[in-house]
Protein backbone atom coordinates (compact mmCIF):
# COMPACT_ATOMS: atom_id res chain seq x y z
CA MET A 1 126.30 107.29 86.06
CA GLN A 2 128.61 108.79 88.81
CA TYR A 3 130.88 111.24 86.99
CA PHE A 4 129.10 110.55 83.65
CA LYS A 5 129.71 112.72 80.72
CA PRO A 6 128.34 112.24 77.17
CA GLU A 7 130.52 111.97 74.30
CA SER A 8 132.36 115.16 73.07
CA PRO A 9 131.47 117.89 72.33
CA TYR A 10 128.66 117.27 74.81
CA PHE A 11 128.42 117.73 78.61
CA VAL A 12 125.90 117.53 81.49
CA GLY A 13 124.40 120.82 82.41
CA ASP A 14 121.63 121.48 85.16
CA CYS A 15 120.24 118.24 86.51
CA MET A 16 116.73 117.40 87.45
CA PRO A 17 116.15 114.13 89.22
CA PHE A 18 112.60 112.83 89.54
CA PHE A 19 111.29 109.61 91.07
CA HIS A 20 108.12 107.73 90.43
CA GLY A 21 106.80 104.39 90.57
CA GLY A 22 110.25 102.74 91.72
CA THR A 23 112.19 104.51 89.02
CA PHE A 24 114.76 107.29 89.53
CA HIS A 25 114.67 109.57 86.40
CA LEU A 26 117.66 111.76 85.75
CA TYR A 27 116.73 114.68 83.30
CA TYR A 28 119.61 116.92 82.49
CA LEU A 29 120.62 119.62 80.07
CA ALA A 30 122.47 118.27 77.16
CA ASP A 31 125.07 121.00 76.81
CA GLU A 32 127.38 121.51 73.74
CA ASN A 33 130.66 123.14 74.21
CA HIS A 34 129.99 124.78 77.67
CA HIS A 35 126.86 127.04 76.67
CA GLN A 36 128.51 128.20 73.42
CA ALA A 37 125.70 126.47 71.05
CA LYS A 38 123.12 128.98 69.30
CA GLY A 39 125.40 131.94 69.73
CA GLY A 40 125.91 131.64 73.43
CA LEU A 41 122.11 131.00 74.20
CA GLY A 42 122.95 127.49 75.10
CA GLY A 43 120.97 125.33 72.82
CA HIS A 44 120.25 123.00 75.64
CA GLN A 45 117.94 120.10 75.32
CA TRP A 46 116.59 117.71 78.04
CA ALA A 47 118.39 114.46 77.99
CA HIS A 48 117.14 111.54 80.07
CA ALA A 49 118.53 108.37 81.72
CA SER A 50 116.60 106.09 84.38
CA SER A 51 117.35 103.38 86.94
CA THR A 52 115.59 101.41 89.47
CA ASP A 53 118.68 100.63 91.44
CA LEU A 54 121.25 103.39 90.66
CA ILE A 55 123.49 100.71 89.35
CA GLN A 56 121.96 99.64 85.86
CA TRP A 57 121.05 102.64 83.72
CA ASN A 58 118.95 103.15 80.57
CA HIS A 59 119.64 106.14 78.32
CA HIS A 60 116.59 107.32 76.48
CA PRO A 61 116.23 109.68 73.45
CA LEU A 62 115.96 113.41 74.11
CA ALA A 63 112.99 114.06 76.28
CA ILE A 64 112.49 117.73 75.42
CA PRO A 65 114.43 118.75 72.30
CA CYS A 66 114.65 122.09 70.55
CA THR A 67 112.21 121.94 67.60
CA GLU A 68 111.80 125.58 66.69
CA GLU A 69 114.22 128.11 65.37
CA TRP A 70 112.94 130.54 68.16
CA GLU A 71 114.03 128.19 70.82
CA GLY A 72 117.52 129.47 71.91
CA SER A 73 117.58 126.83 74.73
CA ILE A 74 115.25 124.39 76.56
CA CYS A 75 116.25 125.50 80.08
CA THR A 76 115.93 124.01 83.51
CA GLY A 77 112.62 123.10 84.97
CA SER A 78 110.93 119.93 86.83
CA VAL A 79 108.76 116.95 86.28
CA PHE A 80 105.54 116.47 88.00
CA TYR A 81 103.31 113.51 88.07
CA HIS A 82 99.44 113.75 88.40
CA ASP A 83 96.50 111.48 87.14
CA GLY A 84 98.60 109.45 84.90
CA THR A 85 100.39 112.20 83.21
CA PHE A 86 103.92 113.63 83.54
CA TYR A 87 104.26 117.23 83.36
CA GLY A 88 107.46 118.66 82.10
CA PHE A 89 107.57 122.20 83.07
CA TYR A 90 110.59 124.15 81.61
CA ALA A 91 111.65 127.58 80.60
CA THR A 92 112.41 128.51 76.94
CA ARG A 93 115.20 131.00 76.38
CA PHE A 94 114.50 133.15 73.33
CA LEU A 95 116.70 134.64 70.76
CA ASP A 96 116.52 138.17 72.40
CA ARG A 97 117.58 136.42 75.70
CA THR A 98 114.29 136.73 77.36
CA GLU A 99 112.86 133.86 79.15
CA LYS A 100 109.34 132.38 79.14
CA LEU A 101 107.79 129.23 80.60
CA SER A 102 106.80 126.24 78.62
CA LEU A 103 104.96 122.81 79.04
CA ALA A 104 105.43 119.18 77.62
CA LEU A 105 103.21 116.30 78.48
CA SER A 106 104.14 112.48 78.48
CA ASN A 107 102.22 109.31 79.36
CA ASP A 108 105.50 107.39 80.19
CA GLY A 109 108.02 109.99 81.38
CA ILE A 110 110.07 109.26 78.13
CA THR A 111 108.53 110.80 75.20
CA PHE A 112 107.08 114.41 75.88
CA ALA A 113 104.98 116.56 73.59
CA LYS A 114 104.97 120.27 73.81
CA THR A 115 101.68 121.87 74.55
CA GLN A 116 100.16 125.10 73.11
CA PRO A 117 100.19 127.94 73.72
CA ASN A 118 104.04 127.80 73.88
CA PRO A 119 105.17 129.54 75.94
CA PHE A 120 102.22 129.52 78.43
CA ALA A 121 103.58 132.20 80.77
CA VAL A 122 105.73 135.39 80.52
CA PRO A 123 107.13 137.44 83.29
CA PRO A 124 104.44 139.50 84.95
CA GLU A 125 104.51 143.11 85.21
CA GLY A 126 107.12 144.32 87.90
CA TYR A 127 109.67 141.58 86.98
CA ARG A 128 112.65 141.59 84.60
CA PRO A 129 112.22 139.69 81.32
CA GLN A 130 115.85 138.32 81.39
CA HIS A 131 115.26 136.26 84.55
CA PHE A 132 112.14 133.90 84.38
CA ARG A 133 113.10 130.28 84.46
CA ASP A 134 113.62 126.94 86.33
CA PRO A 135 109.99 126.26 87.20
CA PHE A 136 109.48 123.83 90.06
CA VAL A 137 105.91 122.44 90.70
CA PHE A 138 104.66 120.87 93.95
CA VAL A 139 101.21 120.38 95.59
CA ASP A 140 100.14 121.70 99.01
CA GLU A 141 98.92 118.52 100.66
CA THR A 142 96.58 120.47 103.05
CA THR A 143 94.66 122.40 100.20
CA GLY A 144 95.34 120.27 96.99
CA GLU A 145 96.46 123.55 95.44
CA PHE A 146 99.44 123.31 92.81
CA ASN A 147 102.25 125.73 93.50
CA MET A 148 105.10 126.73 90.94
CA LEU A 149 108.25 128.32 92.11
CA VAL A 150 110.07 130.33 89.23
CA THR A 151 113.56 132.08 89.29
CA ALA A 152 112.66 135.80 88.95
CA ALA A 153 114.03 139.21 89.69
CA LEU A 154 111.93 142.32 90.76
CA ALA A 155 112.49 145.26 88.60
CA ASP A 156 111.98 147.83 91.16
CA TYR A 157 113.55 146.73 94.65
CA PRO A 158 114.97 149.11 97.32
CA LEU A 159 118.27 147.49 97.33
CA ASP A 160 120.42 147.78 94.26
CA GLY A 161 120.87 144.45 92.70
CA ARG A 162 119.06 142.58 95.45
CA GLY A 163 115.83 141.87 93.96
CA GLY A 164 116.28 138.30 92.83
CA CYS A 165 113.47 136.07 94.16
CA LEU A 166 111.55 132.83 93.90
CA LEU A 167 108.21 133.85 92.50
CA ARG A 168 105.28 131.66 93.45
CA PHE A 169 102.33 130.90 91.16
CA THR A 170 99.21 128.78 92.11
CA SER A 171 96.90 126.72 90.01
CA GLN A 172 93.94 124.28 90.45
CA ASP A 173 94.62 122.18 87.15
CA LEU A 174 98.36 122.50 86.32
CA ARG A 175 97.47 124.51 83.16
CA HIS A 176 96.32 127.93 84.24
CA TRP A 177 98.54 129.69 86.73
CA GLU A 178 97.97 132.84 88.96
CA VAL A 179 100.73 135.01 90.33
CA ALA A 180 100.80 134.78 94.04
CA GLU A 181 103.86 136.51 95.66
CA PRO A 182 107.56 136.11 95.98
CA PHE A 183 108.14 133.03 97.98
CA HIS A 184 111.58 133.89 99.04
CA ILE A 185 114.07 136.82 98.56
CA PRO A 186 117.49 135.47 99.65
CA GLY A 187 119.19 139.16 99.24
CA GLY A 188 122.67 137.92 99.58
CA PRO A 189 125.45 139.83 101.26
CA PRO A 190 127.33 142.74 99.28
CA GLY A 191 129.12 141.33 96.33
CA TYR A 192 127.41 138.18 96.21
CA PRO A 193 124.87 137.11 93.52
CA SER A 194 121.29 137.44 94.71
CA ILE A 195 119.28 135.54 91.72
CA PRO A 196 118.04 132.15 93.39
CA GLU A 197 118.14 129.63 90.74
CA CYS A 198 116.94 125.85 90.38
CA PRO A 199 114.61 125.71 93.16
CA ASP A 200 113.74 122.52 94.80
CA TYR A 201 111.12 121.93 97.52
CA PHE A 202 110.28 118.65 99.50
CA PHE A 203 108.88 117.41 102.70
CA TRP A 204 110.96 114.78 104.57
CA ASN A 205 110.52 113.23 108.00
CA GLY A 206 108.68 116.10 109.56
CA TRP A 207 110.43 118.90 107.90
CA TYR A 208 109.95 120.92 104.82
CA TYR A 209 112.99 121.95 102.76
CA LEU A 210 113.51 124.76 100.10
CA ILE A 211 116.83 124.48 98.08
CA PHE A 212 118.04 127.37 95.60
CA GLY A 213 121.18 128.00 94.05
CA LEU A 214 123.47 131.07 94.41
CA ASP A 215 126.26 131.51 91.95
CA GLY A 216 125.52 128.00 91.27
CA ILE A 217 126.11 126.71 94.78
CA ALA A 218 122.96 124.97 96.19
CA HIS A 219 121.77 126.41 99.50
CA TYR A 220 118.95 124.97 101.61
CA ARG A 221 116.35 126.35 104.18
CA MET A 222 114.12 124.37 106.49
CA SER A 223 110.85 124.81 108.13
CA THR A 224 108.23 122.97 110.18
CA GLN A 225 105.44 124.66 108.03
CA PRO A 226 105.02 124.29 104.39
CA PHE A 227 105.32 128.02 103.59
CA GLY A 228 107.73 128.97 106.23
CA PRO A 229 108.99 130.82 108.28
CA TRP A 230 112.37 129.56 106.90
CA LEU A 231 115.35 128.64 109.08
CA ARG A 232 118.88 129.07 107.69
CA PRO A 233 121.19 126.16 109.27
CA ALA A 234 124.56 127.04 110.36
CA VAL A 235 125.70 125.04 107.28
CA ASP A 236 123.33 125.75 104.53
CA THR A 237 125.15 124.04 101.58
CA PHE A 238 125.81 120.41 100.65
CA ASP A 239 129.39 120.39 99.33
CA GLY A 240 132.11 122.86 99.84
CA SER A 241 133.20 122.81 96.20
CA ARG A 242 132.37 125.56 93.78
CA LEU A 243 132.53 123.01 91.05
CA ALA A 244 129.36 121.26 92.47
CA ILE A 245 126.64 123.14 90.66
CA VAL A 246 122.97 123.52 91.29
CA MET A 247 122.34 120.33 93.25
CA LYS A 248 118.65 119.40 93.13
CA THR A 249 117.15 116.16 94.86
CA ALA A 250 114.52 113.40 94.43
CA ALA A 251 113.25 110.77 96.72
CA PHE A 252 114.48 107.02 96.29
CA THR A 253 113.28 103.59 97.45
CA GLY A 254 113.43 103.23 101.30
CA ASN A 255 112.74 106.74 102.37
CA ARG A 256 116.00 107.86 100.94
CA ARG A 257 116.81 111.09 99.18
CA ILE A 258 119.31 111.38 96.29
CA GLY A 259 120.89 114.68 95.05
CA VAL A 260 122.32 115.24 91.74
CA ALA A 261 124.46 118.19 90.53
CA PHE A 262 126.81 118.62 87.66
CA LEU A 263 130.40 118.80 88.40
CA ALA A 264 131.81 121.78 86.47
CA SER A 265 134.72 121.44 84.00
CA ARG A 266 137.56 123.44 84.79
CA LYS A 267 139.27 125.72 81.99
CA GLU A 268 142.26 123.84 80.58
CA ASP A 269 144.44 126.85 80.35
CA LYS A 270 143.68 127.86 84.12
CA ASP A 271 145.18 126.27 87.46
CA ASP A 272 143.29 128.37 89.81
CA GLY A 273 139.97 126.40 89.73
CA GLU A 274 138.20 128.62 87.31
CA ARG A 275 135.05 126.85 86.08
CA MET A 276 133.08 126.49 83.04
CA TYR A 277 129.43 125.74 82.55
CA ALA A 278 128.54 121.95 82.35
CA GLY A 279 130.67 118.98 83.07
CA SER A 280 130.03 115.58 84.51
CA THR A 281 127.15 114.19 86.76
CA LEU A 282 127.78 114.15 90.57
CA PHE A 283 125.47 112.05 92.77
CA ARG A 284 125.16 112.45 96.58
CA GLU A 285 122.91 110.66 99.08
CA ILE A 286 121.22 113.22 101.15
CA THR A 287 121.34 112.45 105.04
CA GLN A 288 119.06 113.94 107.64
CA ASN A 289 120.23 114.70 111.14
CA ALA A 290 118.29 114.51 114.32
CA ASP A 291 117.71 118.26 114.38
CA GLY A 292 116.55 118.31 110.68
CA THR A 293 119.74 119.56 109.26
CA LEU A 294 121.14 117.84 106.11
CA GLY A 295 124.32 116.30 105.12
CA THR A 296 125.78 114.18 102.20
CA LYS A 297 127.45 110.97 101.64
CA PHE A 298 128.43 108.56 98.67
CA PRO A 299 125.53 106.60 97.46
CA PRO A 300 126.66 103.09 98.35
CA GLU A 301 125.18 101.49 95.13
CA MET A 302 127.67 103.82 92.98
CA TYR A 303 130.69 102.49 94.88
CA PRO A 304 130.62 98.68 94.74
CA ALA A 305 133.17 96.51 96.54
CA PRO A 306 136.57 96.38 94.80
CA ASP A 307 137.75 93.44 92.97
CA THR A 308 141.42 94.20 93.78
CA VAL A 309 142.96 95.45 96.98
CA PHE A 310 146.62 96.66 96.29
CA ALA A 311 149.62 95.52 98.46
CA LEU A 312 151.92 98.51 98.42
CA PRO A 313 155.09 99.52 100.25
CA CYS A 314 155.11 102.20 102.96
CA THR A 315 158.00 104.51 103.73
CA PRO A 316 158.26 106.47 107.02
CA LEU A 317 160.08 109.74 106.08
CA THR A 318 160.73 111.28 109.54
CA PRO A 319 161.67 109.66 112.96
CA GLY A 320 158.15 110.16 114.31
CA ALA A 321 156.48 108.24 111.57
CA SER A 322 155.94 104.43 111.92
CA GLY A 323 153.71 101.64 110.63
CA SER A 324 152.78 100.01 107.37
CA ALA A 325 150.49 100.41 104.59
CA LYS A 326 147.61 99.37 106.68
CA SER A 327 148.19 101.36 109.67
CA ILE A 328 150.42 104.66 110.03
CA THR A 329 151.11 106.58 113.22
CA LEU A 330 152.50 110.15 113.20
CA ARG A 331 153.81 111.57 116.39
CA ALA A 332 154.45 115.22 115.99
CA ILE A 333 154.20 116.75 119.39
CA GLU A 334 156.30 119.70 118.26
CA GLY A 335 157.12 119.85 114.27
CA LEU A 336 156.09 117.73 111.19
CA GLU A 337 156.10 113.96 110.80
CA VAL A 338 155.36 112.49 107.40
CA ALA A 339 155.01 108.88 105.91
CA ALA A 340 154.34 107.74 102.38
CA ILE A 341 152.59 104.88 100.62
CA ASP A 342 154.29 104.46 97.16
CA GLN A 343 153.05 102.88 93.72
CA VAL A 344 149.42 104.18 94.06
CA PRO A 345 147.68 103.72 90.80
CA HIS A 346 146.11 106.86 89.21
CA ASN A 347 142.48 105.62 89.55
CA VAL A 348 141.68 104.18 92.95
CA GLN A 349 139.36 104.08 95.81
CA ILE A 350 140.97 104.82 99.42
CA ARG A 351 139.29 104.08 102.56
CA MET A 352 140.55 104.51 106.20
CA ASP A 353 139.72 105.41 109.59
CA VAL A 354 141.38 108.47 111.22
CA GLU A 355 142.06 108.66 114.96
CA PRO A 356 143.46 112.00 115.96
CA THR A 357 144.51 113.01 119.65
CA ALA A 358 142.61 116.05 120.98
CA LEU A 359 145.47 118.35 120.72
CA SER A 360 146.27 117.64 117.03
CA ALA A 361 146.51 121.05 114.97
CA ASP A 362 146.91 120.16 111.48
CA PHE A 363 146.99 116.73 109.92
CA GLY A 364 146.03 115.13 106.52
CA LEU A 365 147.11 113.67 103.17
CA TRP A 366 148.80 114.69 100.04
CA LEU A 367 147.28 112.88 97.04
CA ARG A 368 149.17 112.12 93.79
CA GLY A 369 152.22 113.31 95.49
CA SER A 370 155.80 113.02 94.35
CA GLY A 371 159.42 113.62 95.65
CA SER A 372 160.06 113.79 99.34
CA PHE A 373 156.92 115.65 100.35
CA GLU A 374 157.50 117.94 97.49
CA ASN A 375 154.30 117.92 95.45
CA GLY A 376 150.75 116.74 95.82
CA TYR A 377 147.16 117.66 96.33
CA GLN A 378 146.79 118.68 99.79
CA MET A 379 143.88 117.70 102.17
CA HIS A 380 144.15 119.29 105.52
CA PHE A 381 142.07 118.50 108.45
CA LEU A 382 142.14 121.67 110.88
CA PRO A 383 140.30 120.63 114.25
CA TYR A 384 140.66 124.17 115.92
CA GLU A 385 139.20 125.73 112.92
CA GLN A 386 136.64 123.08 112.14
CA LYS A 387 137.68 123.09 108.63
CA VAL A 388 138.71 120.59 105.91
CA THR A 389 140.56 121.74 102.73
CA LEU A 390 141.22 119.91 99.45
CA ASN A 391 143.33 121.70 97.11
CA GLN A 392 141.35 124.79 96.35
CA GLN A 393 138.09 123.73 97.93
CA ALA A 394 137.01 123.76 101.52
CA ILE A 395 134.25 122.90 104.09
CA THR A 396 133.72 124.75 107.43
CA SER A 397 131.89 124.01 110.54
CA VAL A 398 132.96 120.53 110.58
CA ASP A 399 132.91 119.24 114.21
CA GLY A 400 134.39 116.03 115.35
CA LEU A 401 137.85 116.44 113.77
CA ASP A 402 139.35 115.90 117.17
CA ARG A 403 137.68 112.47 117.53
CA PRO A 404 137.98 109.29 115.31
CA PHE A 405 136.19 109.51 111.95
CA SER A 406 136.01 107.49 108.65
CA LEU A 407 137.33 108.83 105.38
CA GLU A 408 136.56 107.65 101.73
CA ILE A 409 138.42 109.13 98.75
CA ILE A 410 137.80 108.47 95.08
CA LEU A 411 140.63 109.30 92.65
CA LYS A 412 139.39 109.06 88.97
CA ASP A 413 141.04 110.80 86.11
CA ASP A 414 141.06 114.48 87.10
CA ILE A 415 138.41 114.15 89.82
CA ILE A 416 139.25 113.83 93.67
CA ASP A 417 136.13 113.13 95.61
CA VAL A 418 135.96 112.85 99.42
CA CYS A 419 133.40 111.53 101.92
CA LEU A 420 133.98 112.58 105.62
CA ASP A 421 132.48 110.43 108.26
CA GLN A 422 129.44 109.67 106.12
CA ARG A 423 128.03 113.13 106.72
CA ARG A 424 130.03 115.68 104.69
CA CYS A 425 131.51 115.68 101.22
CA LEU A 426 134.05 117.62 99.18
CA ILE A 427 135.36 117.44 95.57
CA ASP A 428 137.71 119.09 93.09
CA ARG A 429 139.03 118.59 89.64
CA CYS A 430 142.85 118.18 89.94
CA PRO A 431 144.34 117.52 86.37
CA GLU A 432 147.89 118.73 86.71
CA ARG A 433 149.67 116.15 89.02
CA THR A 434 150.14 112.55 88.32
CA GLY A 435 152.49 111.22 91.20
CA SER A 436 152.12 107.85 92.78
CA ARG A 437 152.98 108.71 96.39
CA LEU A 438 150.28 108.98 98.97
CA PHE A 439 151.64 111.15 101.69
CA PHE A 440 150.28 111.10 105.43
CA PHE A 441 151.29 114.24 107.53
CA CYS A 442 150.78 115.67 110.99
CA HIS A 443 152.01 119.06 112.36
CA ASN A 444 151.93 119.65 115.94
CA GLY A 445 149.94 116.51 117.05
CA GLU A 446 149.49 112.90 116.96
CA VAL A 447 147.29 110.93 114.60
CA THR A 448 146.87 107.32 113.52
CA PHE A 449 145.60 106.25 110.22
CA ARG A 450 144.02 102.77 110.51
CA SER A 451 142.45 100.16 108.36
CA ILE A 452 143.99 101.80 105.25
CA GLN A 453 142.70 100.23 102.04
CA ILE A 454 143.74 101.16 98.50
CA ALA A 455 141.80 99.30 95.91
CA SER A 456 140.63 99.34 92.24
CA LEU A 457 137.77 101.19 90.86
CA THR A 458 135.12 98.91 89.55
């Protein structure tokens, strides 16, 4: 299911992971032609796949389909289990582009039946009717009261365009809901979207977490109290890529947490990274640091051991480059040193340990390269700036780049996916270049790439 896409013309939209009884459910919006169905309303429907081990997956019939002409789209929501019943909360986008809340029930989490009244909730007075979606339900364990967070926008807010919020509702029975108050108003800097979308909320190892998307990018806040005050960590996103959209999470066996986003497709006639709605699935394992902050890594079940490790030739291109295809050292005290591994297949997994000296300024890889260091997708490690870049994507506040770290890379079709030191990830779609050279470079510094393994994808 990693990088999964249905058969054309369908794509994966917003993902809604859910875990119950040892089974990991992935509900997602089945998208047709990048939000173009039903005159641009989306025409989305809830698709569904499930697994107990993240390896073998069952694909089920549509969980919540469009069944009425007035349903312009079955939008994002959440699943909640209580007293033997699965509650599928979602938003319906109407033909006039207003949004209202709906509910479907199930006994098995597979077959859902819509309830009446449908919809059951409309935007309350003082909120804009075009923003009322993405319901997420959780229970306050201290009181037993049910809570629902909804993407909303205040109609009258003192700052222009800054009234986007997560509106909170409360209930005693999951059927009748009362308006409480805006749970979170992110505001956003000037020129940045302020509508918080696709909320997620969970408690994990002593911390409460709130996740919401801004311009599709998932941000998180943390607190030791169930309703805040919320702290913004230094790095409040999961992946640096603008293509990893609205990641939401679910528990998994062994006190683990799995995040799922969709990896947006790029416009075929653009080479500047411009994205379209919907694409492929993107799974991450969420990691928790000692201070409660979160990171990401590749879920190990989704990257099994390779059946073929390639023995490839290595070519030092400059005098300060030496080694073999398994270990390369670049001594570039002043200047640039480069080596290449040749005949790299198009789809592979690459693993290595990177050992820079404390004074290295810039080092990294060029992937799918060609020529004499002429072309390739550039990945730079910049210790002084605490920054890693991949093509047009970047992650910042990356400490430890002046010390040894591990590196995993997946090259699959147009996807380049990177995991740094089992704690930060970075991904991009890179369809243009098809070269078979893997360049290693260092500028003003010294670095050794050890235990290099280039292997088949299984």
